[in-house]
Structure formats: structure tokens, C-alpha cells
Amino acid sequence: MVRSPISVEEAEAVIDVYFTVAKEVFVKGGATRVKKVVLEIARWVHDSPRHYAATEETGRRIVAAPEFAELPEPTLAAILAHEFGHAVDFLYPGEFAVMDDGELVRMPPTPKTLIDKKAEQAMIARLRAWSERDKDTVERTADAIAEHFTGRPIGYMGPCELQSFERGGVRPRRLGLR
């Protein structure tokens, strides 16, 4: 039997529940800026390199394909956590860094006013390093931020290497994964 594609409205009804819970977890964890993050369901996402979900570089909008709603719960929840990881990374620029060993380090927040020239230079250098990260580092940072806020490590599974909170059969993110 051939099934018609899920509608945008049906997808939103499913995804919004997970989106709301994920947002609440991040806000309760101290990332209050994610209160303004919105969810958009758009068919074009499925035909893009992101395939199921993406986060704008402003950190204010997560866009998901309707097909995202049909994924297993551990995958849907992990992808949303990863996308909220991106949102936090973009909304708090330069405050999170992933070390070579995968450890997440939270730097002091960017002050509104800087005390002296050296502090200003250090902040500029930190923001430059943050903005010049390679794609793998950006993705690993989103996973590490998601783990920090959810307490659950994100693994990758299946032939499409989708994020998942499953316990078995998951592996670390491979370099170059889109």
C-alpha cells in the first residue's frame, strides 16, 4: 500500500511536542536565550543536505522536514537536541569550545563592557577563533552542548548516520559527515 506523504500540519503536531520539551530542557539548564527559538516545518529541508532538520546561524529558528516526524523517537529527540546545541552555540557565540579530546569547555560570557585593551583583544581573538571553526568542529560542538544540557550522549547510527539516543549500535560522529 502506498502512503501519501505526511502533511506539514501532521508533522508539526508531532514535532512540536518534542521541540517544546527540548527547549524546556535547555532553558532549565541555563540557556535562557533559546526561549525565542521557533520551529518551522518546511518540505524543502528534506531535499537539502540537512535532510531532516537544520538551525539558522542566528540560532533563532530550527527548520524541520515533515518526514522528520516519522523517525523513531530516540532519533527525533537526539536530532532536536543536536539542533538546540547549534542554537545555543549561535546564541552564545564563543562561550562553548570542544577540546581535542571531546570535552566541552564553557568560557566566561562576553561582557557588555570590557575593562581594558587586553581584555578586548582577548575577546576579539576568542570570537575570531569561534567564527573560523571548521564544519566538523561546529558539529562536534553541537553534540557536546546537547550532551551537556540533556545529560545524554549523542551517537550516530544506521547507513544515513543519523543522531540517536539509542544505547546499542551507535558510534561517534565521523569526520566530514554533513
Protein backbone atom coordinates (compact mmCIF):
# COMPACT_ATOMS: atom_id res chain seq x y z
CA MET A 1 0.00 0.00 0.00
CA VAL A 2 1.39 3.40 -0.97
CA ARG A 3 1.08 6.02 1.72
CA SER A 4 0.69 9.69 0.91
CA PRO A 5 3.35 11.99 2.40
CA ILE A 6 2.77 13.33 5.87
CA SER A 7 1.25 16.79 5.82
CA VAL A 8 3.01 19.82 7.28
CA GLU A 9 0.23 20.14 9.86
CA GLU A 10 0.51 16.48 10.94
CA ALA A 11 4.29 16.78 11.19
CA GLU A 12 4.06 19.96 13.24
CA ALA A 13 1.65 18.30 15.68
CA VAL A 14 4.21 15.54 16.34
CA ILE A 15 7.45 17.53 16.23
CA ASP A 16 6.19 20.46 18.29
CA VAL A 17 5.80 18.24 21.36
CA TYR A 18 9.47 17.15 21.19
CA PHE A 19 10.56 20.70 20.31
CA THR A 20 8.79 22.14 23.35
CA VAL A 21 10.30 19.56 25.71
CA ALA A 22 13.81 20.05 24.28
CA LYS A 23 13.51 23.82 24.56
CA GLU A 24 12.41 23.49 28.18
CA VAL A 25 15.41 21.25 29.00
CA PHE A 26 17.84 23.80 27.55
CA VAL A 27 16.14 26.78 29.24
CA LYS A 28 16.12 25.00 32.62
CA GLY A 29 19.79 24.23 32.08
CA GLY A 30 20.53 27.95 31.86
CA ALA A 31 20.36 28.67 28.12
CA THR A 32 17.59 31.22 28.52
CA ARG A 33 18.19 32.74 25.09
CA VAL A 34 16.62 29.64 23.47
CA LYS A 35 13.22 30.79 24.74
CA LYS A 36 12.95 32.73 21.48
CA VAL A 37 13.85 29.80 19.20
CA VAL A 38 10.98 28.91 16.89
CA LEU A 39 10.16 25.78 14.91
CA GLU A 40 9.28 25.84 11.23
CA ILE A 41 8.21 22.83 9.19
CA ALA A 42 9.29 23.08 5.54
CA ARG A 43 9.29 20.48 2.77
CA TRP A 44 12.49 21.86 1.17
CA VAL A 45 14.61 20.67 4.11
CA HIS A 46 14.18 17.01 3.11
CA ASP A 47 15.79 17.71 -0.27
CA SER A 48 18.70 19.61 1.25
CA PRO A 49 22.00 18.28 2.67
CA ARG A 50 20.46 18.60 6.16
CA HIS A 51 17.68 16.17 5.13
CA TYR A 52 15.64 16.27 8.36
CA ALA A 53 16.45 19.43 10.33
CA ALA A 54 18.68 22.49 10.38
CA THR A 55 19.28 25.55 12.54
CA GLU A 56 19.70 29.06 11.20
CA GLU A 57 23.04 30.62 12.04
CA THR A 58 21.17 33.25 14.06
CA GLY A 59 20.19 30.42 16.41
CA ARG A 60 16.61 31.66 16.41
CA ARG A 61 14.95 29.16 14.07
CA ILE A 62 15.04 25.39 13.69
CA VAL A 63 13.59 24.16 10.41
CA ALA A 64 12.45 20.55 10.05
CA ALA A 65 11.16 18.46 7.16
CA PRO A 66 7.72 16.87 7.60
CA GLU A 67 9.39 13.44 7.26
CA PHE A 68 11.28 14.20 10.48
CA ALA A 69 8.08 13.35 12.38
CA GLU A 70 8.24 9.77 11.09
CA LEU A 71 11.64 8.98 12.58
CA PRO A 72 11.95 6.76 15.67
CA GLU A 73 11.69 8.66 18.96
CA PRO A 74 15.37 8.23 20.01
CA THR A 75 16.46 9.67 16.64
CA LEU A 76 13.95 12.51 16.60
CA ALA A 77 14.84 13.53 20.16
CA ALA A 78 18.60 13.34 19.50
CA ILE A 79 18.41 15.37 16.30
CA LEU A 80 16.37 18.05 18.06
CA ALA A 81 18.88 18.10 20.94
CA HIS A 82 21.68 18.47 18.38
CA GLU A 83 19.83 21.34 16.68
CA PHE A 84 19.29 23.05 20.04
CA GLY A 85 23.04 22.53 20.57
CA HIS A 86 23.58 24.59 17.42
CA ALA A 87 21.08 27.21 18.62
CA VAL A 88 22.94 27.59 21.92
CA ASP A 89 26.29 27.74 20.11
CA PHE A 90 25.00 30.53 17.83
CA LEU A 91 23.11 32.41 20.56
CA TYR A 92 26.13 32.36 22.90
CA PRO A 93 28.97 32.95 20.40
CA GLY A 94 32.39 31.93 21.65
CA GLU A 95 31.17 30.67 25.02
CA PHE A 96 31.45 26.95 24.21
CA ALA A 97 34.50 25.15 22.89
CA VAL A 98 35.23 21.48 22.30
CA MET A 99 38.72 20.32 23.14
CA ASP A 100 40.55 17.73 21.02
CA ASP A 101 39.52 15.01 23.48
CA GLY A 102 35.84 15.95 23.03
CA GLU A 103 35.49 17.74 26.38
CA LEU A 104 33.16 20.73 26.31
CA VAL A 105 34.51 23.88 27.96
CA ARG A 106 32.31 26.85 28.78
CA MET A 107 34.13 30.13 28.65
CA PRO A 108 33.04 33.17 30.68
CA PRO A 109 30.26 35.09 28.93
CA THR A 110 31.15 38.04 26.77
CA PRO A 111 30.92 41.13 29.00
CA LYS A 112 28.89 44.11 27.81
CA THR A 113 31.81 46.41 28.58
CA LEU A 114 35.44 45.43 28.59
CA ILE A 115 37.75 46.65 31.30
CA ASP A 116 40.88 47.24 29.28
CA LYS A 117 42.54 46.85 25.89
CA LYS A 118 43.94 43.38 26.68
CA ALA A 119 40.52 42.07 27.66
CA GLU A 120 39.08 43.48 24.45
CA GLN A 121 41.83 41.88 22.35
CA ALA A 122 41.31 38.52 24.09
CA MET A 123 37.57 38.68 23.41
CA ILE A 124 38.13 39.56 19.74
CA ALA A 125 40.57 36.65 19.40
CA ARG A 126 38.08 34.27 21.04
CA LEU A 127 35.24 35.33 18.74
CA ARG A 128 37.51 35.11 15.68
CA ALA A 129 38.56 31.56 16.61
CA TRP A 130 34.89 30.65 17.16
CA SER A 131 33.81 32.05 13.78
CA GLU A 132 36.67 30.34 11.92
CA ARG A 133 35.95 26.79 13.16
CA ASP A 134 35.71 24.05 10.56
CA LYS A 135 32.39 22.24 9.96
CA ASP A 136 33.43 19.16 11.93
CA THR A 137 34.20 21.28 14.98
CA VAL A 138 30.86 23.11 14.68
CA GLU A 139 29.02 19.76 14.54
CA ARG A 140 31.02 18.22 17.40
CA THR A 141 30.31 21.33 19.45
CA ALA A 142 26.56 21.00 18.85
CA ASP A 143 26.70 17.35 20.00
CA ALA A 144 28.73 18.27 23.09
CA ILE A 145 26.38 21.12 24.00
CA ALA A 146 23.39 18.79 23.54
CA GLU A 147 25.00 16.22 25.84
CA HIS A 148 25.82 18.93 28.40
CA PHE A 149 22.19 20.06 28.60
CA THR A 150 20.42 16.70 28.23
CA GLY A 151 22.92 14.52 30.09
CA ARG A 152 22.71 12.04 27.22
CA PRO A 153 25.49 11.42 24.69
CA ILE A 154 24.55 11.61 21.03
CA GLY A 155 25.65 8.73 18.86
CA TYR A 156 25.27 8.07 15.15
CA MET A 157 23.65 5.00 13.67
CA GLY A 158 22.36 3.41 10.51
CA PRO A 159 23.51 3.85 6.94
CA CYS A 160 22.50 7.53 6.98
CA GLU A 161 24.41 8.09 10.24
CA LEU A 162 21.60 9.96 11.97
CA GLN A 163 21.93 11.19 15.53
CA SER A 164 20.36 8.92 18.11
CA PHE A 165 19.96 8.45 21.84
CA GLU A 166 19.86 4.65 21.31
CA ARG A 167 22.19 2.71 23.56
CA GLY A 168 23.33 -0.02 21.18
CA GLY A 169 24.76 0.21 17.70
CA VAL A 170 25.74 3.87 17.89
CA ARG A 171 29.15 5.24 17.05
CA PRO A 172 30.88 8.61 17.34
CA ARG A 173 30.35 11.23 14.63
CA ARG A 174 32.76 10.62 11.80
CA LEU A 175 34.79 13.47 10.31
CA GLY A 176 33.27 15.00 7.19
CA LEU A 177 29.70 13.91 7.95
CA ARG A 178 27.33 16.56 6.60
